Amino acid sequence: MATEYGHGYGHRGGSGFDETGGAGRRHRLPAPLRAPFEARSLREFGYVLLGLPLGILMFTFAVTMVSLGAGLLVTFLGVPVLAAALAGCRGLGSLERARARGLLGVEVAEPEPLRTKKQGAMAWMGALLKSGTSWRHLLYAVVQFPWSVFSFVVAVNFWVYGWALLTYPLWFWVFPMYGGQDGLQLYGDNTHSVYLDNPFEIAVTALVGLLFTMATPWIVRALTSVDGLMVRGLLGPSRLATRVVELESDRGVVVDTAAADLRRIERDLHDGAQARLVALAMDLGLAKEKLAEDPEAAARMVDEAHGEVKTALQELRDLARGIHPAVLTDRGLDAALSAVASRCTVPVRVEVDLAARPAPAIEGIAYFTVSELLQNISKHSRATRATVDVWRVENRLMIQVGDNGVGGAAVTQGSGLAGLTERLDAVDGILVVDSPPAGPTLITAELPWRG
């Protein structure tokens, strides 16, 4: 099962681009030949060129302000100078994020804002000095300068020498006409010199230039990849802040899901059992009035009311099962999922391989996940058989539901699978759908194991 899940996930997670170019577009030139002329290569080279002056600016500002602030710490002036240094580095970090986004396509979220418990300049300076994000911006301003010098030297030398050697057949005549020598001097000392002047040497020089020119975009791309890592690691939000945002989002999903469940329960009670009980009370009232004058009609009405009571009780049992089935609490997932499978319109094979029971919350989510997927199979799949497999892999609870139906299931906005995805994501779970148009469908849910 785990092997099938890994294969399906890898297949579905592909980039969707073929070897001939993005989005299936076929190029006449191979990638090494067209790379020097692509807009992406030019943007990356422009990023490296801009990196040096900006690196000088950031390094000069950071070192000057921090040195000045550290020297003034013996007085009160050192604190605001250091705070101004950190604030300036955060502003320069915003510029760097915009540059990386515009030229490299590197999307980096804004870091967490400053949080101050009080109003005023002192609270603002204290928040700046205590913020790890501010110090990471300062570190970036210091580290980026030597790296920008290295990137600039490497990129410019490869680019200039590559194009100069590639175009050497077009301008070598400058040497004999204006330089007083046969060609570009390759070697020379007091006794002899070597010049690139015959057709073979000129052709070899152009070939070397072609190799340099083709290699330059990939070298620049490797250099800018390091820049991208630095921008993400030092100028983006911290892992803790990212995790806090995720938890806040998950909490909102949980609250919304709970509110939707409450509204559903209220609607089912109002439209179902409550309406039947009201009708039952009215029927019993009429039967009571007819009891003296028409006992037989009263008996029929009581008999009908008895049937309504049974129906109302069945609806209440179904509603209670939808909230949390008793069989799940008493006997666990194996029995509960078998009960769900028995109500499916498609024959279902259920296999639960768990040595212990997970936490009740995880067990409940697993139950409702399988229940929802089996309902989808009954309504939409047109399948003739289905399978449910549940097992544990280290600290994860794995659920796999498959069928041989028509396929085409997808996580789209507003669909049941989208709601399942949000519910699983709220507890750090994932939902992977592998459902090609002709089928079969294999849906894998993964939940954290909490015993």
Protein backbone atom coordinates (compact mmCIF):
# COMPACT_ATOMS: atom_id res chain seq x y z
CA MET A 1 0.00 0.00 0.00
CA ALA A 2 2.73 2.42 0.91
CA THR A 3 4.43 1.72 -2.39
CA GLU A 4 1.29 2.52 -4.37
CA TYR A 5 0.82 5.71 -2.41
CA GLY A 6 4.36 6.86 -3.04
CA HIS A 7 4.11 6.11 -6.75
CA GLY A 8 0.79 7.88 -7.14
CA TYR A 9 1.97 10.91 -5.18
CA GLY A 10 5.14 11.22 -7.19
CA HIS A 11 3.25 10.91 -10.45
CA ARG A 12 0.69 13.51 -9.48
CA GLY A 13 3.31 15.84 -8.07
CA GLY A 14 5.22 16.21 -11.33
CA SER A 15 5.90 19.62 -12.75
CA GLY A 16 3.81 19.11 -15.89
CA PHE A 17 6.61 20.30 -18.14
CA ASP A 18 8.18 18.10 -20.75
CA GLU A 19 11.76 18.04 -21.91
CA THR A 20 11.00 20.20 -24.92
CA GLY A 21 10.14 23.28 -22.90
CA GLY A 22 7.62 24.81 -20.54
CA ALA A 23 4.00 23.85 -20.91
CA GLY A 24 4.74 21.44 -23.75
CA ARG A 25 6.20 24.10 -26.09
CA ARG A 26 8.79 22.61 -28.44
CA HIS A 27 12.00 24.55 -29.10
CA ARG A 28 14.12 24.22 -32.18
CA LEU A 29 17.37 24.99 -30.32
CA PRO A 30 18.61 22.87 -27.41
CA ALA A 31 18.70 24.47 -23.98
CA PRO A 32 22.49 25.20 -23.89
CA LEU A 33 22.33 27.14 -27.17
CA ARG A 34 19.25 29.21 -26.37
CA ALA A 35 20.12 29.88 -22.70
CA PRO A 36 22.38 32.91 -23.42
CA PHE A 37 19.50 34.65 -25.20
CA GLU A 38 16.65 33.81 -22.81
CA ALA A 39 15.05 36.56 -20.80
CA ARG A 40 15.56 34.58 -17.62
CA SER A 41 19.34 34.49 -18.16
CA LEU A 42 19.41 38.23 -18.77
CA ARG A 43 17.39 38.89 -15.62
CA GLU A 44 19.71 36.71 -13.55
CA PHE A 45 22.77 38.46 -14.97
CA GLY A 46 21.14 41.82 -14.20
CA TYR A 47 20.51 40.61 -10.64
CA VAL A 48 24.22 39.86 -10.22
CA LEU A 49 25.23 43.23 -11.68
CA LEU A 50 22.89 45.10 -9.32
CA GLY A 51 24.04 42.99 -6.39
CA LEU A 52 27.47 44.62 -6.14
CA PRO A 53 26.42 48.29 -5.71
CA LEU A 54 23.56 47.30 -3.43
CA GLY A 55 25.92 45.04 -1.46
CA ILE A 56 28.35 47.94 -1.01
CA LEU A 57 25.48 50.17 0.14
CA MET A 58 24.09 47.63 2.63
CA PHE A 59 27.49 46.61 3.99
CA THR A 60 28.61 50.23 4.43
CA PHE A 61 25.38 51.22 6.14
CA ALA A 62 25.28 48.19 8.42
CA VAL A 63 28.91 48.26 9.53
CA THR A 64 28.98 52.04 9.99
CA MET A 65 25.76 52.24 11.98
CA VAL A 66 26.45 49.19 14.15
CA SER A 67 30.01 50.35 14.88
CA LEU A 68 28.73 53.82 15.76
CA GLY A 69 25.95 52.41 17.93
CA ALA A 70 28.28 50.01 19.72
CA GLY A 71 30.73 52.82 20.38
CA LEU A 72 27.97 55.01 21.80
CA LEU A 73 26.52 52.35 24.06
CA VAL A 74 28.35 53.92 26.98
CA THR A 75 25.85 56.73 26.51
CA PHE A 76 22.15 56.56 25.89
CA LEU A 77 22.65 57.49 22.22
CA GLY A 78 23.92 54.00 21.35
CA VAL A 79 20.48 52.39 21.71
CA PRO A 80 18.62 54.57 19.19
CA VAL A 81 21.55 54.35 16.76
CA LEU A 82 21.48 50.55 16.91
CA ALA A 83 17.70 50.59 16.54
CA ALA A 84 18.04 52.86 13.49
CA ALA A 85 20.63 50.46 12.05
CA LEU A 86 18.27 47.50 12.42
CA ALA A 87 15.33 49.48 11.03
CA GLY A 88 17.40 50.51 8.03
CA CYS A 89 18.47 46.90 7.44
CA ARG A 90 14.81 45.83 7.49
CA GLY A 91 14.03 48.49 4.89
CA LEU A 92 16.93 47.34 2.71
CA GLY A 93 15.67 43.78 3.18
CA SER A 94 12.32 44.82 1.67
CA LEU A 95 14.22 46.18 -1.33
CA GLU A 96 16.14 42.90 -1.67
CA ARG A 97 12.95 40.84 -1.51
CA ALA A 98 11.44 42.98 -4.26
CA ARG A 99 14.62 42.61 -6.37
CA ALA A 100 14.63 38.84 -5.92
CA ARG A 101 10.93 38.65 -6.77
CA GLY A 102 11.26 40.80 -9.89
CA LEU A 103 14.46 39.37 -11.36
CA LEU A 104 14.68 35.83 -9.98
CA GLY A 105 11.02 35.01 -9.45
CA VAL A 106 11.76 34.15 -5.81
CA GLU A 107 8.62 34.73 -3.77
CA VAL A 108 9.50 35.45 -0.14
CA ALA A 109 6.78 36.39 2.30
CA GLU A 110 7.12 39.45 4.48
CA PRO A 111 8.61 38.67 7.90
CA GLU A 112 6.54 38.98 11.00
CA PRO A 113 5.89 42.61 12.00
CA LEU A 114 7.23 44.18 15.17
CA ARG A 115 5.06 43.49 18.20
CA THR A 116 5.07 46.16 20.88
CA LYS A 117 3.12 45.88 24.12
CA LYS A 118 3.24 49.64 24.69
CA GLN A 119 3.19 52.75 22.55
CA GLY A 120 6.15 55.05 22.14
CA ALA A 121 9.69 55.25 20.82
CA MET A 122 11.21 53.23 23.65
CA ALA A 123 8.85 50.31 23.07
CA TRP A 124 9.58 50.46 19.33
CA MET A 125 13.36 50.44 19.88
CA GLY A 126 13.07 47.59 22.37
CA ALA A 127 11.03 45.53 19.92
CA LEU A 128 13.61 46.15 17.19
CA LEU A 129 16.51 45.09 19.39
CA LYS A 130 14.72 41.97 20.61
CA SER A 131 13.50 40.91 17.16
CA GLY A 132 15.41 38.01 15.64
CA THR A 133 14.17 39.10 12.22
CA SER A 134 15.99 42.43 12.56
CA TRP A 135 19.28 40.75 13.39
CA ARG A 136 18.86 38.34 10.48
CA HIS A 137 18.45 41.34 8.17
CA LEU A 138 21.65 42.81 9.62
CA LEU A 139 23.45 39.51 9.04
CA TYR A 140 22.25 39.50 5.44
CA ALA A 141 23.58 43.02 4.88
CA VAL A 142 27.01 41.90 6.09
CA VAL A 143 27.16 38.51 4.37
CA GLN A 144 25.72 39.61 1.04
CA PHE A 145 28.60 41.99 0.28
CA PRO A 146 31.47 39.46 -0.05
CA TRP A 147 29.18 37.08 -1.91
CA SER A 148 28.08 39.85 -4.31
CA VAL A 149 31.75 40.66 -5.01
CA PHE A 150 32.47 37.02 -5.80
CA SER A 151 29.33 36.63 -7.94
CA PHE A 152 30.02 39.86 -9.82
CA VAL A 153 33.63 38.95 -10.64
CA VAL A 154 32.77 35.41 -11.76
CA ALA A 155 29.72 36.37 -13.81
CA VAL A 156 31.25 39.38 -15.54
CA ASN A 157 34.49 37.58 -16.40
CA PHE A 158 32.72 34.57 -17.86
CA TRP A 159 30.26 36.76 -19.77
CA VAL A 160 32.85 39.18 -21.17
CA TYR A 161 35.49 36.59 -22.03
CA GLY A 162 32.90 34.27 -23.57
CA TRP A 163 31.45 36.84 -25.94
CA ALA A 164 34.87 38.36 -26.68
CA LEU A 165 36.34 35.01 -27.72
CA LEU A 166 33.18 33.99 -29.59
CA THR A 167 33.28 37.14 -31.71
CA TYR A 168 37.08 37.11 -32.14
CA PRO A 169 36.85 36.29 -35.89
CA LEU A 170 34.97 39.59 -36.33
CA TRP A 171 37.51 41.88 -34.64
CA PHE A 172 40.93 40.18 -34.77
CA TRP A 173 41.87 42.44 -37.72
CA VAL A 174 42.19 45.29 -35.23
CA PHE A 175 45.59 43.94 -34.05
CA PRO A 176 47.50 43.92 -37.38
CA MET A 177 45.88 47.13 -38.52
CA TYR A 178 46.11 49.26 -35.39
CA GLY A 179 48.05 47.28 -32.77
CA GLY A 180 51.19 46.42 -34.66
CA GLN A 181 50.89 42.66 -33.99
CA ASP A 182 49.48 39.67 -35.83
CA GLY A 183 46.61 38.96 -33.47
CA LEU A 184 45.62 38.36 -29.85
CA GLN A 185 48.76 37.39 -27.91
CA LEU A 186 48.35 34.05 -26.21
CA TYR A 187 51.89 33.83 -24.81
CA GLY A 188 55.01 35.92 -24.95
CA ASP A 189 58.45 36.33 -23.36
CA ASN A 190 61.84 37.79 -24.32
CA THR A 191 62.54 35.16 -26.99
CA HIS A 192 59.28 34.39 -28.74
CA SER A 193 55.55 35.07 -28.75
CA VAL A 194 52.44 33.15 -29.74
CA TYR A 195 49.60 34.98 -31.48
CA LEU A 196 46.14 33.74 -32.48
CA ASP A 197 46.36 34.76 -36.12
CA ASN A 198 45.83 31.79 -38.48
CA PRO A 199 42.37 30.48 -39.43
CA PHE A 200 42.68 27.33 -37.31
CA GLU A 201 43.62 29.26 -34.17
CA ILE A 202 40.87 31.80 -34.79
CA ALA A 203 38.31 29.01 -35.18
CA VAL A 204 39.50 27.28 -31.97
CA THR A 205 39.32 30.61 -30.13
CA ALA A 206 35.73 31.11 -31.30
CA LEU A 207 34.86 27.56 -30.25
CA VAL A 208 36.28 28.15 -26.76
CA GLY A 209 34.27 31.37 -26.62
CA LEU A 210 31.14 29.44 -27.59
CA LEU A 211 31.71 27.00 -24.72
CA PHE A 212 32.20 29.89 -22.29
CA THR A 213 29.09 31.64 -23.60
CA MET A 214 26.94 28.52 -23.24
CA ALA A 215 28.28 27.80 -19.75
CA THR A 216 27.87 31.35 -18.43
CA PRO A 217 24.04 31.32 -17.94
CA TRP A 218 24.24 28.10 -15.94
CA ILE A 219 27.09 29.44 -13.80
CA VAL A 220 25.12 32.64 -13.17
CA ARG A 221 22.05 30.55 -12.36
CA ALA A 222 24.01 28.59 -9.78
CA LEU A 223 25.24 31.85 -8.22
CA THR A 224 21.75 33.33 -8.07
CA SER A 225 20.45 30.10 -6.52
CA VAL A 226 22.67 30.83 -3.54
CA ASP A 227 21.26 34.36 -3.48
CA GLY A 228 17.76 32.91 -3.43
CA LEU A 229 18.64 30.69 -0.48
CA MET A 230 20.07 33.67 1.41
CA VAL A 231 17.00 35.79 0.74
CA ARG A 232 14.63 33.01 1.84
CA GLY A 233 16.65 32.07 4.91
CA LEU A 234 17.56 35.53 6.22
CA LEU A 235 14.93 37.94 4.88
CA GLY A 236 11.80 35.80 5.08
CA PRO A 237 9.68 34.89 8.09
CA SER A 238 11.20 32.58 10.66
CA ARG A 239 10.09 28.98 10.96
CA LEU A 240 8.40 29.79 14.25
CA ALA A 241 6.45 32.67 12.73
CA THR A 242 5.48 30.53 9.74
CA ARG A 243 4.30 27.80 12.08
CA VAL A 244 2.28 30.30 14.12
CA VAL A 245 0.55 31.52 10.95
CA GLU A 246 -0.21 27.93 9.95
CA LEU A 247 -1.64 27.16 13.39
CA GLU A 248 -3.77 30.31 13.32
CA SER A 249 -5.10 29.31 9.91
CA ASP A 250 -5.73 25.75 11.11
CA ARG A 251 -7.51 27.06 14.18
CA GLY A 252 -9.77 29.14 11.94
CA VAL A 253 -10.54 26.06 9.83
CA VAL A 254 -11.35 24.03 12.93
CA VAL A 255 -13.65 26.78 14.24
CA ASP A 256 -15.40 27.11 10.87
CA THR A 257 -15.79 23.34 10.59
CA ALA A 258 -17.22 23.09 14.10
CA ALA A 259 -19.64 25.93 13.37
CA ALA A 260 -20.73 24.26 10.12
CA ASP A 261 -21.27 20.97 11.96
CA LEU A 262 -23.37 22.72 14.59
CA ARG A 263 -25.46 24.40 11.89
CA ARG A 264 -25.93 21.05 10.17
CA ILE A 265 -27.02 19.37 13.40
CA GLU A 266 -29.41 22.23 14.17
CA ARG A 267 -30.86 22.05 10.65
CA ASP A 268 -31.28 18.28 10.82
CA LEU A 269 -33.00 18.52 14.21
CA HIS A 270 -35.25 21.36 13.07
CA ASP A 271 -36.21 19.87 9.72
CA GLY A 272 -36.24 16.23 10.75
CA ALA A 273 -36.88 14.95 14.26
CA GLN A 274 -38.32 18.20 15.62
CA ALA A 275 -40.84 18.49 12.79
CA ARG A 276 -41.87 14.86 13.27
CA LEU A 277 -42.28 15.33 17.03
CA VAL A 278 -44.44 18.43 16.47
CA ALA A 279 -46.61 16.52 14.02
CA LEU A 280 -46.73 13.63 16.50
CA ALA A 281 -47.95 15.92 19.30
CA MET A 282 -50.68 17.29 17.01
CA ASP A 283 -51.77 13.77 15.99
CA LEU A 284 -51.93 12.63 19.61
CA GLY A 285 -53.96 15.73 20.48
CA LEU A 286 -56.47 14.92 17.74
CA ALA A 287 -56.58 11.26 18.83
CA LYS A 288 -57.32 12.37 22.38
CA GLU A 289 -60.25 14.48 21.17
CA LYS A 290 -61.65 11.60 19.07
CA LEU A 291 -61.12 8.98 21.77
CA ALA A 292 -64.64 9.38 23.22
CA GLU A 293 -66.70 9.85 20.04
CA ASP A 294 -64.75 7.66 17.57
CA PRO A 295 -62.47 5.11 19.31
CA GLU A 296 -61.57 3.31 16.08
CA ALA A 297 -60.32 6.52 14.37
CA ALA A 298 -58.43 7.41 17.54
CA ALA A 299 -56.79 3.98 17.52
CA ARG A 300 -55.71 4.42 13.89
CA MET A 301 -54.24 7.81 14.70
CA VAL A 302 -52.37 6.42 17.67
CA ASP A 303 -51.04 3.62 15.47
CA GLU A 304 -49.82 6.18 12.89
CA ALA A 305 -48.25 8.20 15.70
CA HIS A 306 -46.44 5.07 16.84
CA GLY A 307 -44.93 4.73 13.37
CA GLU A 308 -43.90 8.40 13.46
CA VAL A 309 -42.18 7.80 16.81
CA LYS A 310 -40.14 4.96 15.31
CA THR A 311 -39.15 7.12 12.34
CA ALA A 312 -38.17 10.00 14.62
CA LEU A 313 -36.08 7.65 16.77
CA GLN A 314 -34.31 6.31 13.69
CA GLU A 315 -33.53 9.86 12.55
CA LEU A 316 -32.17 10.69 15.99
CA ARG A 317 -29.98 7.57 15.90
CA ASP A 318 -28.66 8.53 12.46
CA LEU A 319 -27.99 12.04 13.68
CA ALA A 320 -26.17 10.73 16.75
CA ARG A 321 -24.16 8.39 14.55
CA GLY A 322 -23.21 11.36 12.40
CA ILE A 323 -21.97 13.26 15.46
CA HIS A 324 -19.93 10.40 16.88
CA PRO A 325 -20.99 6.77 16.47
CA ALA A 326 -21.09 4.67 19.61
CA VAL A 327 -19.45 1.73 17.84
CA LEU A 328 -16.37 3.89 17.21
CA THR A 329 -16.04 4.71 20.89
CA ASP A 330 -16.71 1.15 22.05
CA ARG A 331 -14.92 -0.99 19.46
CA GLY A 332 -12.60 1.25 17.45
CA LEU A 333 -11.97 1.94 13.78
CA ASP A 334 -12.18 -1.63 12.51
CA ALA A 335 -15.78 -2.17 13.62
CA ALA A 336 -16.87 1.41 12.86
CA LEU A 337 -15.49 1.36 9.31
CA SER A 338 -17.02 -2.07 8.71
CA ALA A 339 -20.40 -0.62 9.71
CA VAL A 340 -19.91 2.30 7.31
CA ALA A 341 -18.86 -0.06 4.51
CA SER A 342 -21.97 -2.19 5.02
CA ARG A 343 -24.15 0.83 4.22
CA CYS A 344 -22.25 1.65 1.00
CA THR A 345 -23.98 0.78 -2.27
CA VAL A 346 -20.72 -0.76 -3.56
CA PRO A 347 -19.10 -3.90 -2.11
CA VAL A 348 -16.24 -2.70 0.08
CA ARG A 349 -13.26 -4.65 1.44
CA VAL A 350 -12.07 -3.19 4.75
CA GLU A 351 -8.67 -3.97 6.21
CA VAL A 352 -7.51 -2.24 9.41
CA ASP A 353 -4.02 -3.14 10.63
CA LEU A 354 -3.53 -1.26 13.89
CA ALA A 355 -1.91 -2.68 17.00
CA ALA A 356 -3.31 0.14 19.15
CA ARG A 357 -5.95 2.81 18.90
CA PRO A 358 -5.08 6.43 18.06
CA ALA A 359 -6.32 9.39 20.06
CA PRO A 360 -10.11 9.86 19.94
CA ALA A 361 -9.82 13.09 17.91
CA ILE A 362 -7.64 11.44 15.26
CA GLU A 363 -9.84 8.34 15.30
CA GLY A 364 -12.92 10.49 14.72
CA ILE A 365 -11.33 12.37 11.80
CA ALA A 366 -10.23 9.07 10.25
CA TYR A 367 -13.77 7.68 10.58
CA PHE A 368 -15.44 10.71 8.99
CA THR A 369 -12.81 10.83 6.24
CA VAL A 370 -13.57 7.25 5.21
CA SER A 371 -17.30 7.85 5.61
CA GLU A 372 -17.19 10.88 3.30
CA LEU A 373 -15.09 9.06 0.70
CA LEU A 374 -17.41 6.06 0.69
CA GLN A 375 -20.40 8.36 0.24
CA ASN A 376 -18.66 9.90 -2.78
CA ILE A 377 -18.11 6.41 -4.18
CA SER A 378 -21.78 5.58 -3.73
CA LYS A 379 -22.96 8.80 -5.39
CA HIS A 380 -20.47 9.51 -8.16
CA SER A 381 -18.01 6.71 -8.93
CA ARG A 382 -20.20 4.11 -10.71
CA ALA A 383 -17.77 1.56 -9.31
CA THR A 384 -18.37 -2.16 -8.79
CA ARG A 385 -15.95 -2.60 -5.88
CA ALA A 386 -14.01 -0.49 -3.40
CA THR A 387 -11.30 -0.98 -0.79
CA VAL A 388 -10.45 0.66 2.53
CA ASP A 389 -7.02 0.11 4.08
CA VAL A 390 -5.86 1.60 7.35
CA TRP A 391 -2.39 1.12 8.81
CA ARG A 392 0.29 2.90 10.79
CA VAL A 393 3.72 4.00 9.52
CA GLU A 394 5.91 5.23 12.38
CA ASN A 395 4.11 8.32 13.72
CA ARG A 396 1.54 8.61 10.91
CA LEU A 397 -1.88 7.02 10.44
CA MET A 398 -2.38 6.06 6.79
CA ILE A 399 -5.81 5.70 5.17
CA GLN A 400 -6.25 4.56 1.60
CA VAL A 401 -9.62 4.35 -0.16
CA GLY A 402 -9.81 3.09 -3.74
CA ASP A 403 -12.42 2.12 -6.29
CA ASN A 404 -12.60 0.94 -9.90
CA GLY A 405 -15.03 3.63 -11.00
CA VAL A 406 -14.93 6.29 -13.71
CA GLY A 407 -12.37 8.49 -11.93
CA GLY A 408 -12.07 12.22 -12.44
CA ALA A 409 -12.18 13.11 -8.75
CA ALA A 410 -10.36 16.37 -7.94
CA VAL A 411 -9.87 18.74 -5.05
CA THR A 412 -11.75 21.78 -6.34
CA GLN A 413 -13.04 24.79 -4.46
CA GLY A 414 -16.31 24.03 -2.73
CA SER A 415 -16.15 20.27 -3.30
CA GLY A 416 -16.34 17.63 -0.59
CA LEU A 417 -12.71 16.69 -1.17
CA ALA A 418 -11.70 20.32 -0.59
CA GLY A 419 -13.50 20.25 2.75
CA LEU A 420 -11.76 17.01 3.66
CA THR A 421 -8.41 18.53 2.73
CA GLU A 422 -9.04 21.51 5.01
CA ARG A 423 -10.15 19.26 7.87
CA LEU A 424 -7.04 17.10 7.56
CA ASP A 425 -4.77 20.10 7.18
CA ALA A 426 -6.09 21.44 10.48
CA VAL A 427 -4.37 18.54 12.29
CA ASP A 428 -1.23 18.47 10.07
CA GLY A 429 -2.66 15.81 7.79
CA ILE A 430 -2.68 15.63 4.00
CA LEU A 431 -5.00 14.26 1.32
CA VAL A 432 -3.59 12.98 -1.98
CA VAL A 433 -5.98 12.24 -4.86
CA ASP A 434 -4.93 10.03 -7.77
CA SER A 435 -7.96 9.82 -10.05
CA PRO A 436 -7.33 9.86 -13.80
CA PRO A 437 -10.41 10.45 -16.02
CA ALA A 438 -10.82 6.78 -16.90
CA GLY A 439 -10.18 5.57 -13.37
CA PRO A 440 -9.41 3.90 -11.10
CA THR A 441 -9.38 6.29 -8.13
CA LEU A 442 -6.96 6.02 -5.22
CA ILE A 443 -7.25 8.56 -2.40
CA THR A 444 -4.71 8.51 0.42
CA ALA A 445 -5.13 10.40 3.67
CA GLU A 446 -2.33 10.81 6.15
CA LEU A 447 -2.89 11.85 9.77
CA PRO A 448 -0.50 12.32 12.67
CA TRP A 449 -0.51 9.40 15.11
CA ARG A 450 -1.43 10.47 18.59
CA GLY A 451 -1.91 7.66 21.01
